[in-house]
């Protein structure tokens, strides 16, 4: 039985070793970006900083306990001529004092307003972090699709170079037997050089797109999954710009953050005005004084306990409270204007993204038909070339148009996917589920 188990483990390990390595799909790229993207890590750190700011506001309303210790050298000189029962003379000795002070806010309207402002700032920071998370998804998708498009573009450029090289060979062969012209050969050679330059450009573009994805996920991408060629563009759901505007108004994180920042500024104004209001604290202290000596000779120890309420009423601060209130009022007005500006920007981005997506669907369909038409035209030119009714230049022109149509259609398909993600980001509803949906459209 042990031998069977051992052979089972060996067979399992061999099966794992023989299995092909899993390529980098969109879900895995998103997972890596969450862990390694510097911009997202910075957004998380900024959220943590705001959390600590609120904790500071809470701490100002909680009890504070302070311990103190002093060691003092004393020198007493007493002179009381004619007064009995008072020891005259000089004495030098050391004394120690130990104290424990407790303070608890009982009535602190300004600090309560600061806490409310900090709470709204924390909620706004969480909304901004949500926006950063959606931006990360958008950047990962753009980088991933950009790398796929660059890889397909390089393959297409190489295919065009091979096709042009074939036409160059045919032109030279026909010229050698007297069936072609020098012009055909020169034209084919020029087209071949242009195709070679296009391959160099596509190679550089591929390296740049690869670097853009590495910048986000922190590692070299291998085994990317291409988009399923059978996938057809789908209309947005819902297919009305007004519905997406309503979604953005209700859920857009940047709009939520702007609203919460305006609320925080309003409470900050109340905190600044609270500088005119009284405050009440509960104070308690326990002190012990130990003296090594005194003028009369022996040392002494004294314990003291205090418990009471401390009322503070600001009377005059040189106009500082009024100046801080004026600054807070101006910042509140600025926050309200920033909210209105954000609302208008969100509306414009949603409408623009909806138009881009709708246009990309129509463009992809038109270019698909253009590819089919250019392919038919190229086939006709090649047949005419073989029959002698078409020149090599005609074939090269038709071939160029076919590859151009294929390249444009390829770019339109990737643009559709980017615009689909862009619409959801513009509305503020982009999530990891969208990454899974888009990942299902890959081969």
Protein backbone atom coordinates (compact mmCIF):
# COMPACT_ATOMS: atom_id res chain seq x y z
CA UNK A 1 0.00 0.00 0.00
CA UNK A 2 2.86 2.39 0.83
CA UNK A 3 4.47 1.62 -2.50
CA UNK A 4 1.24 2.46 -4.32
CA UNK A 5 1.00 5.78 -2.50
CA UNK A 6 4.60 6.58 -3.31
CA UNK A 7 4.10 5.84 -7.01
CA UNK A 8 0.93 7.92 -6.94
CA UNK A 9 2.85 10.93 -5.63
CA UNK A 10 5.54 10.48 -8.28
CA UNK A 11 2.95 10.26 -11.04
CA UNK A 12 1.26 13.42 -9.76
CA UNK A 13 4.52 15.33 -9.72
CA UNK A 14 5.35 14.18 -13.24
CA UNK A 15 1.90 15.29 -14.41
CA UNK A 16 2.44 18.71 -12.88
CA UNK A 17 5.83 19.02 -14.49
CA UNK A 18 4.44 18.06 -17.87
CA UNK A 19 1.51 20.50 -17.67
CA UNK A 20 2.02 23.76 -19.54
CA UNK A 21 2.63 26.86 -17.43
CA UNK A 22 -0.39 29.04 -17.02
CA UNK A 23 -0.17 32.28 -18.97
CA UNK A 24 -0.74 35.73 -17.54
CA UNK A 25 -4.43 36.53 -17.93
CA UNK A 26 -6.20 39.71 -16.88
CA UNK A 27 -7.26 38.39 -13.48
CA UNK A 28 -3.69 37.45 -12.60
CA UNK A 29 -2.39 40.79 -13.91
CA UNK A 30 -4.93 42.60 -11.71
CA UNK A 31 -3.88 40.55 -8.69
CA UNK A 32 -0.21 41.38 -9.29
CA UNK A 33 -1.04 45.06 -9.74
CA UNK A 34 -2.87 45.16 -6.40
CA UNK A 35 0.30 43.91 -4.72
CA UNK A 36 3.02 45.70 -6.69
CA UNK A 37 1.70 48.90 -8.29
CA UNK A 38 3.41 51.93 -6.64
CA UNK A 39 0.56 54.34 -7.39
CA UNK A 40 -1.98 52.07 -5.70
CA UNK A 41 0.35 51.52 -2.74
CA UNK A 42 0.68 55.29 -2.39
CA UNK A 43 -3.13 55.64 -2.37
CA UNK A 44 -3.34 53.02 0.38
CA UNK A 45 -0.72 54.87 2.45
CA UNK A 46 -2.59 58.16 2.02
CA UNK A 47 -5.75 56.48 3.32
CA UNK A 48 -3.83 55.19 6.35
CA UNK A 49 -2.55 58.72 7.02
CA UNK A 50 -6.11 60.08 7.12
CA UNK A 51 -7.11 57.25 9.48
CA UNK A 52 -4.40 58.38 11.89
CA UNK A 53 -5.59 61.98 11.61
CA UNK A 54 -9.02 60.93 12.82
CA UNK A 55 -7.48 58.96 15.68
CA UNK A 56 -5.72 62.15 16.73
CA UNK A 57 -9.06 63.95 16.80
CA UNK A 58 -10.53 61.15 18.93
CA UNK A 59 -7.55 61.27 21.29
CA UNK A 60 -8.20 64.91 22.13
CA UNK A 61 -11.57 63.88 23.62
CA UNK A 62 -10.23 60.94 25.64
CA UNK A 63 -8.59 61.06 29.08
CA UNK A 64 -4.95 62.11 29.22
CA UNK A 65 -2.64 61.00 32.01
CA UNK A 66 0.73 62.59 32.63
CA UNK A 67 3.43 61.67 35.14
CA UNK A 68 6.05 64.15 36.32
CA UNK A 69 9.13 63.86 38.52
CA UNK A 70 11.46 66.62 39.78
CA UNK A 71 14.65 66.68 41.82
CA UNK A 72 15.41 70.14 43.21
CA UNK A 73 18.22 71.61 45.31
CA UNK A 74 16.77 74.07 47.84
CA UNK A 75 18.49 76.83 49.84
CA UNK A 76 16.40 78.56 52.53
CA UNK A 77 17.33 81.76 54.32
CA UNK A 78 14.94 82.91 57.07
CA UNK A 79 15.24 86.11 59.09
CA UNK A 80 12.47 87.15 61.52
CA UNK A 81 13.80 89.62 64.12
CA UNK A 82 11.60 89.79 67.19
CA UNK A 83 9.25 87.04 66.07
CA UNK A 84 9.07 84.00 68.29
CA UNK A 85 8.44 80.42 67.22
CA UNK A 86 10.17 81.04 63.86
CA UNK A 87 13.50 79.47 63.30
CA UNK A 88 15.99 81.79 61.75
CA UNK A 89 19.05 80.79 59.77
CA UNK A 90 20.09 79.09 56.55
CA UNK A 91 19.62 75.55 55.27
CA UNK A 92 20.54 73.72 52.06
CA UNK A 93 18.84 70.42 51.11
CA UNK A 94 17.37 68.40 48.25
CA UNK A 95 13.70 67.69 47.60
CA UNK A 96 11.86 65.43 45.17
CA UNK A 97 8.36 65.85 43.73
CA UNK A 98 6.31 63.17 42.00
CA UNK A 99 2.99 63.99 40.32
CA UNK A 100 0.29 62.22 38.35
CA UNK A 101 -2.12 64.49 36.42
CA UNK A 102 -5.39 63.36 34.83
CA UNK A 103 -7.49 65.48 32.43
CA UNK A 104 -10.78 64.59 30.76
CA UNK A 105 -12.78 66.85 28.47
CA UNK A 106 -16.36 67.30 29.68
CA UNK A 107 -17.58 70.05 27.35
CA UNK A 108 -15.42 70.75 24.27
CA UNK A 109 -17.56 71.89 21.31
CA UNK A 110 -14.59 72.82 19.13
CA UNK A 111 -12.97 69.41 19.56
CA UNK A 112 -16.27 67.67 18.80
CA UNK A 113 -16.57 69.66 15.58
CA UNK A 114 -12.98 68.75 14.66
CA UNK A 115 -13.83 65.09 15.21
CA UNK A 116 -16.84 65.35 12.89
CA UNK A 117 -14.66 67.05 10.27
CA UNK A 118 -12.02 64.32 10.59
CA UNK A 119 -14.72 61.65 10.24
CA UNK A 120 -15.95 63.15 6.98
CA UNK A 121 -12.37 63.47 5.72
CA UNK A 122 -11.83 59.78 6.44
CA UNK A 123 -14.96 58.85 4.50
CA UNK A 124 -13.78 61.07 1.63
CA UNK A 125 -10.38 59.37 1.72
CA UNK A 126 -12.08 55.98 1.46
CA UNK A 127 -13.99 57.22 -1.59
CA UNK A 128 -10.74 58.45 -3.15
CA UNK A 129 -9.18 55.05 -2.44
CA UNK A 130 -12.11 53.44 -4.25
CA UNK A 131 -11.37 55.74 -7.19
CA UNK A 132 -7.71 54.68 -7.06
CA UNK A 133 -8.80 51.02 -7.13
CA UNK A 134 -10.91 51.67 -10.23
CA UNK A 135 -8.08 53.62 -11.83
CA UNK A 136 -5.81 50.63 -11.23
CA UNK A 137 -8.24 48.33 -13.05
CA UNK A 138 -8.43 50.79 -15.93
CA UNK A 139 -4.63 51.06 -16.15
CA UNK A 140 -4.16 47.28 -16.00
CA UNK A 141 -6.71 46.71 -18.76
CA UNK A 142 -5.22 49.48 -20.93
CA UNK A 143 -1.69 48.15 -20.46
CA UNK A 144 -2.71 44.52 -21.05
CA UNK A 145 -4.75 45.30 -24.16
CA UNK A 146 -2.08 47.71 -25.35
CA UNK A 147 0.52 44.93 -25.15
CA UNK A 148 -1.81 42.55 -26.99
CA UNK A 149 -2.42 45.16 -29.69
CA UNK A 150 1.32 45.81 -30.04
CA UNK A 151 2.03 42.08 -30.29
CA UNK A 152 -0.66 41.62 -32.95
CA UNK A 153 0.57 44.74 -34.73
CA UNK A 154 4.09 43.32 -34.91
CA UNK A 155 2.77 40.03 -36.27
CA UNK A 156 0.76 41.92 -38.87
CA UNK A 157 3.78 44.06 -39.85
CA UNK A 158 5.89 40.95 -40.30
CA UNK A 159 3.17 39.32 -42.38
CA UNK A 160 3.00 42.41 -44.59
CA UNK A 161 6.79 42.36 -44.95
CA UNK A 162 6.68 38.72 -46.07
CA UNK A 163 3.90 39.47 -48.54
CA UNK A 164 5.77 42.44 -49.99
CA UNK A 165 8.97 40.38 -50.16
CA UNK A 166 7.07 37.77 -52.17
CA UNK A 167 5.86 40.44 -54.59
CA UNK A 168 9.44 41.73 -54.87
CA UNK A 169 10.62 38.24 -55.80
CA UNK A 170 7.88 37.96 -58.39
CA UNK A 171 8.72 41.37 -59.83
CA UNK A 172 12.40 40.49 -60.15
CA UNK A 173 11.59 37.10 -61.65
CA UNK A 174 9.21 38.61 -64.21
CA UNK A 175 11.76 41.29 -65.08
CA UNK A 176 14.40 38.61 -65.61
CA UNK A 177 12.23 36.87 -68.22
CA UNK A 178 11.10 40.10 -69.83
CA UNK A 179 7.53 40.09 -68.50
CA UNK A 180 7.94 42.83 -65.90
CA UNK A 181 9.22 46.38 -65.78
CA UNK A 182 11.93 48.18 -63.84
CA UNK A 183 9.26 50.40 -62.36
CA UNK A 184 7.50 47.39 -60.85
CA UNK A 185 10.73 46.19 -59.28
CA UNK A 186 11.60 49.63 -57.87
CA UNK A 187 8.09 50.04 -56.49
CA UNK A 188 8.21 46.60 -54.88
CA UNK A 189 11.63 47.32 -53.38
CA UNK A 190 10.44 50.64 -51.96
CA UNK A 191 7.40 48.97 -50.46
CA UNK A 192 9.63 46.28 -48.95
CA UNK A 193 11.84 48.90 -47.29
CA UNK A 194 8.77 50.64 -45.92
CA UNK A 195 7.50 47.33 -44.59
CA UNK A 196 10.88 46.73 -42.93
CA UNK A 197 10.67 50.16 -41.26
CA UNK A 198 7.14 49.33 -40.06
CA UNK A 199 8.47 46.14 -38.44
CA UNK A 200 11.14 48.13 -36.60
CA UNK A 201 8.52 50.61 -35.38
CA UNK A 202 6.18 47.81 -34.29
CA UNK A 203 9.03 46.10 -32.43
CA UNK A 204 9.79 49.28 -30.49
CA UNK A 205 6.12 49.78 -29.75
CA UNK A 206 5.89 46.23 -28.39
CA UNK A 207 8.87 46.83 -26.07
CA UNK A 208 7.30 50.07 -24.81
CA UNK A 209 3.92 48.41 -24.14
CA UNK A 210 5.65 45.57 -22.33
CA UNK A 211 7.45 48.08 -20.13
CA UNK A 212 4.16 49.83 -19.37
CA UNK A 213 2.65 46.58 -18.06
CA UNK A 214 5.80 45.72 -16.09
CA UNK A 215 5.58 49.15 -14.47
CA UNK A 216 2.19 48.21 -13.02
CA UNK A 217 2.49 44.51 -12.17
CA UNK A 218 6.17 44.46 -11.21
CA UNK A 219 7.27 41.51 -13.35
CA UNK A 220 7.81 40.54 -16.97
CA UNK A 221 4.52 39.38 -18.55
CA UNK A 222 4.69 35.97 -20.20
CA UNK A 223 2.07 33.94 -22.02
CA UNK A 224 -0.57 36.64 -22.51
CA UNK A 225 -3.96 35.40 -23.61
CA UNK A 226 -5.28 37.05 -26.80
CA UNK A 227 -8.82 38.25 -27.29
CA UNK A 228 -11.17 35.61 -28.67
CA UNK A 229 -11.52 36.38 -32.41
CA UNK A 230 -15.11 35.14 -32.34
CA UNK A 231 -16.14 37.73 -29.76
CA UNK A 232 -18.42 40.41 -31.16
CA UNK A 233 -18.86 43.89 -29.69
CA UNK A 234 -21.90 44.23 -27.46
CA UNK A 235 -23.98 47.32 -26.84
CA UNK A 236 -23.69 48.80 -23.32
CA UNK A 237 -26.29 47.73 -20.80
CA UNK A 238 -28.23 49.95 -20.31
CA UNK A 239 -27.97 51.47 -23.77
CA UNK A 240 -28.89 55.00 -22.66
CA UNK A 241 -26.52 57.75 -21.60
CA UNK A 242 -29.06 59.04 -19.05
CA UNK A 243 -28.94 55.75 -17.15
CA UNK A 244 -25.15 55.92 -16.89
CA UNK A 245 -25.38 59.52 -15.72
CA UNK A 246 -27.76 58.44 -12.97
CA UNK A 247 -25.32 55.72 -11.91
CA UNK A 248 -22.49 58.21 -11.78
CA UNK A 249 -24.52 60.66 -9.69
CA UNK A 250 -25.26 57.92 -7.16
CA UNK A 251 -22.02 55.96 -7.03
CA UNK A 252 -19.08 57.85 -8.51
CA UNK A 253 -16.28 57.80 -5.89
CA UNK A 254 -14.79 61.15 -6.85
CA UNK A 255 -18.21 62.77 -6.58
CA UNK A 256 -18.76 61.13 -3.19
CA UNK A 257 -15.35 62.36 -2.05
CA UNK A 258 -16.16 65.92 -3.13
CA UNK A 259 -19.47 65.85 -1.21
CA UNK A 260 -17.77 64.53 1.91
CA UNK A 261 -14.97 67.08 1.65
CA UNK A 262 -17.58 69.82 1.55
CA UNK A 263 -19.21 68.39 4.71
CA UNK A 264 -15.79 68.22 6.36
CA UNK A 265 -15.12 71.85 5.50
CA UNK A 266 -18.48 72.85 7.02
CA UNK A 267 -17.60 71.13 10.30
CA UNK A 268 -14.13 72.66 10.20
CA UNK A 269 -15.87 76.05 10.08
CA UNK A 270 -17.84 75.15 13.22
CA UNK A 271 -14.58 74.09 14.88
CA UNK A 272 -13.00 77.42 14.06
CA UNK A 273 -16.00 79.32 15.44
CA UNK A 274 -15.76 77.18 18.57
CA UNK A 275 -12.68 79.14 19.53
CA UNK A 276 -15.06 81.69 21.11
CA UNK A 277 -16.88 79.09 23.21
CA UNK A 278 -16.01 77.97 26.74
CA UNK A 279 -14.65 74.52 27.51
CA UNK A 280 -14.91 72.43 30.67
CA UNK A 281 -12.43 69.77 31.79
CA UNK A 282 -12.34 67.35 34.69
CA UNK A 283 -8.87 67.53 36.31
CA UNK A 284 -7.34 65.35 39.00
CA UNK A 285 -3.81 65.23 40.34
CA UNK A 286 -1.86 63.28 42.92
CA UNK A 287 1.44 64.80 44.17
CA UNK A 288 4.08 63.73 46.66
CA UNK A 289 6.91 65.99 47.85
CA UNK A 290 9.86 64.45 49.69
CA UNK A 291 12.36 66.87 51.25
CA UNK A 292 15.70 65.66 52.59
CA UNK A 293 15.75 68.43 55.15
CA UNK A 294 14.43 71.84 56.18
CA UNK A 295 15.50 74.86 58.13
CA UNK A 296 14.40 73.18 61.34
CA UNK A 297 16.49 70.11 60.58
CA UNK A 298 14.54 66.92 59.76
CA UNK A 299 13.08 66.11 56.36
CA UNK A 300 9.39 65.80 55.54
CA UNK A 301 7.00 64.06 53.14
CA UNK A 302 3.80 65.68 51.91
CA UNK A 303 1.02 64.03 49.84
CA UNK A 304 -1.63 66.08 48.06
CA UNK A 305 -4.70 65.01 46.01
CA UNK A 306 -6.76 67.46 43.92
CA UNK A 307 -10.01 66.83 42.05
CA UNK A 308 -12.11 69.48 40.35
CA UNK A 309 -13.51 71.10 37.22
CA UNK A 310 -11.59 73.61 35.13
CA UNK A 311 -13.55 76.16 33.08
CA UNK A 312 -11.76 78.07 30.33
CA UNK A 313 -13.37 81.01 28.57
CA UNK A 314 -11.43 82.68 25.73
CA UNK A 315 -11.63 86.45 26.01
CA UNK A 316 -9.07 87.91 23.64
CA UNK A 317 -6.77 86.23 21.10
CA UNK A 318 -5.68 89.19 19.01
CA UNK A 319 -8.23 88.41 16.28
CA UNK A 320 -6.81 84.93 15.70
CA UNK A 321 -10.15 83.18 16.18
CA UNK A 322 -11.87 85.47 13.70
CA UNK A 323 -9.07 84.96 11.19
CA UNK A 324 -9.26 81.17 11.50
CA UNK A 325 -13.04 81.30 11.11
CA UNK A 326 -12.67 83.44 7.99
CA UNK A 327 -10.19 80.99 6.52
CA UNK A 328 -12.49 78.04 7.27
CA UNK A 329 -15.44 79.86 5.68
CA UNK A 330 -13.44 80.48 2.50
CA UNK A 331 -12.33 76.84 2.38
CA UNK A 332 -15.95 75.74 2.75
CA UNK A 333 -16.95 77.89 -0.22
CA UNK A 334 -14.05 76.45 -2.21
CA UNK A 335 -15.12 72.90 -1.33
CA UNK A 336 -18.67 73.56 -2.55
CA UNK A 337 -17.36 74.94 -5.84
CA UNK A 338 -15.05 71.94 -6.17
CA UNK A 339 -18.09 69.70 -5.72
CA UNK A 340 -19.93 71.46 -8.53
CA UNK A 341 -16.84 71.29 -10.74
CA UNK A 342 -16.48 67.57 -10.09
CA UNK A 343 -20.16 66.97 -10.88
CA UNK A 344 -19.80 68.70 -14.24
CA UNK A 345 -16.56 66.87 -15.05
CA UNK A 346 -18.13 63.51 -14.24
CA UNK A 347 -21.12 64.29 -16.43
CA UNK A 348 -18.89 65.26 -19.35
CA UNK A 349 -16.70 62.16 -18.97
CA UNK A 350 -19.72 59.83 -18.85
CA UNK A 351 -21.29 61.35 -21.96
CA UNK A 352 -17.97 61.26 -23.80
CA UNK A 353 -17.29 57.64 -22.78
CA UNK A 354 -20.77 56.58 -23.89
CA UNK A 355 -20.25 58.21 -27.29
CA UNK A 356 -16.81 56.61 -27.63
CA UNK A 357 -18.18 53.15 -26.87
CA UNK A 358 -21.12 53.50 -29.26
CA UNK A 359 -18.79 54.84 -31.96
CA UNK A 360 -16.27 52.03 -31.45
CA UNK A 361 -19.02 49.42 -31.97
CA UNK A 362 -20.08 50.99 -35.26
CA UNK A 363 -16.47 51.48 -36.35
CA UNK A 364 -15.52 47.86 -35.61
CA UNK A 365 -18.47 46.61 -37.66
CA UNK A 366 -17.61 48.90 -40.59
CA UNK A 367 -13.94 47.91 -40.54
CA UNK A 368 -14.84 44.21 -40.43
CA UNK A 369 -16.76 44.72 -43.66
CA UNK A 370 -13.84 46.76 -45.05
CA UNK A 371 -11.44 43.87 -44.35
CA UNK A 372 -13.67 41.47 -46.24
CA UNK A 373 -13.98 43.88 -49.19
CA UNK A 374 -10.21 44.56 -49.26
CA UNK A 375 -9.51 40.83 -49.17
CA UNK A 376 -11.80 40.25 -52.14
CA UNK A 377 -10.15 43.13 -54.01
CA UNK A 378 -6.68 41.72 -53.29
CA UNK A 379 -7.69 38.28 -54.50
CA UNK A 380 -8.98 39.82 -57.74
CA UNK A 381 -5.75 41.80 -58.24
CA UNK A 382 -3.64 38.69 -57.72
CA UNK A 383 -5.70 36.74 -60.22
CA UNK A 384 -5.39 39.61 -62.69
CA UNK A 385 -1.64 39.77 -62.07
CA UNK A 386 -1.27 36.08 -62.84
CA UNK A 387 -3.38 36.56 -65.95
CA UNK A 388 -1.38 39.58 -67.02
CA UNK A 389 -4.20 42.11 -66.78
CA UNK A 390 -2.96 43.74 -63.56
CA UNK A 391 0.47 45.12 -62.73
CA UNK A 392 2.60 44.38 -59.69
CA UNK A 393 1.93 47.90 -58.46
CA UNK A 394 -1.80 47.19 -58.49
CA UNK A 395 -1.24 44.10 -56.37
CA UNK A 396 0.98 46.03 -53.96
CA UNK A 397 -1.62 48.77 -53.60
CA UNK A 398 -4.41 46.26 -52.95
CA UNK A 399 -2.17 44.40 -50.53
CA UNK A 400 -1.39 47.62 -48.67
CA UNK A 401 -5.08 48.48 -48.39
CA UNK A 402 -5.85 44.98 -47.09
CA UNK A 403 -3.21 45.15 -44.40
CA UNK A 404 -4.29 48.68 -43.50
CA UNK A 405 -7.90 47.53 -43.13
CA UNK A 406 -6.79 44.59 -40.97
CA UNK A 407 -4.68 46.88 -38.80
CA UNK A 408 -7.51 49.38 -38.39
CA UNK A 409 -9.97 46.61 -37.56
CA UNK A 410 -7.56 45.19 -35.00
CA UNK A 411 -7.18 48.58 -33.33
CA UNK A 412 -10.96 49.08 -33.39
CA UNK A 413 -11.55 45.79 -31.56
CA UNK A 414 -9.12 46.71 -28.80
CA UNK A 415 -10.52 50.25 -28.68
CA UNK A 416 -13.99 48.80 -28.11
CA UNK A 417 -12.77 46.82 -25.09
CA UNK A 418 -10.98 49.86 -23.67
CA UNK A 419 -14.02 52.08 -24.19
CA UNK A 420 -16.25 49.50 -22.53
CA UNK A 421 -14.07 49.60 -19.42
CA UNK A 422 -13.75 53.37 -19.79
CA UNK A 423 -17.52 53.87 -19.63
CA UNK A 424 -17.80 51.94 -16.37
CA UNK A 425 -14.86 53.88 -14.95
CA UNK A 426 -16.41 57.18 -16.04
CA UNK A 427 -19.60 56.19 -14.21
CA UNK A 428 -17.61 55.10 -11.16
CA UNK A 429 -18.90 51.49 -11.14
CA UNK A 430 -15.80 49.62 -12.37
CA UNK A 431 -14.97 46.59 -10.21
CA UNK A 432 -13.04 43.33 -10.15
CA UNK A 433 -16.10 41.60 -11.60
CA UNK A 434 -15.58 43.58 -14.81
CA UNK A 435 -12.03 42.21 -14.97
CA UNK A 436 -13.44 38.68 -14.75
CA UNK A 437 -16.00 39.44 -17.46
CA UNK A 438 -13.34 40.82 -19.79
CA UNK A 439 -11.04 37.92 -18.94
CA UNK A 440 -13.73 35.50 -20.13
CA UNK A 441 -13.48 37.10 -23.57
CA UNK A 442 -9.85 36.03 -23.88
CA UNK A 443 -8.87 32.77 -25.53
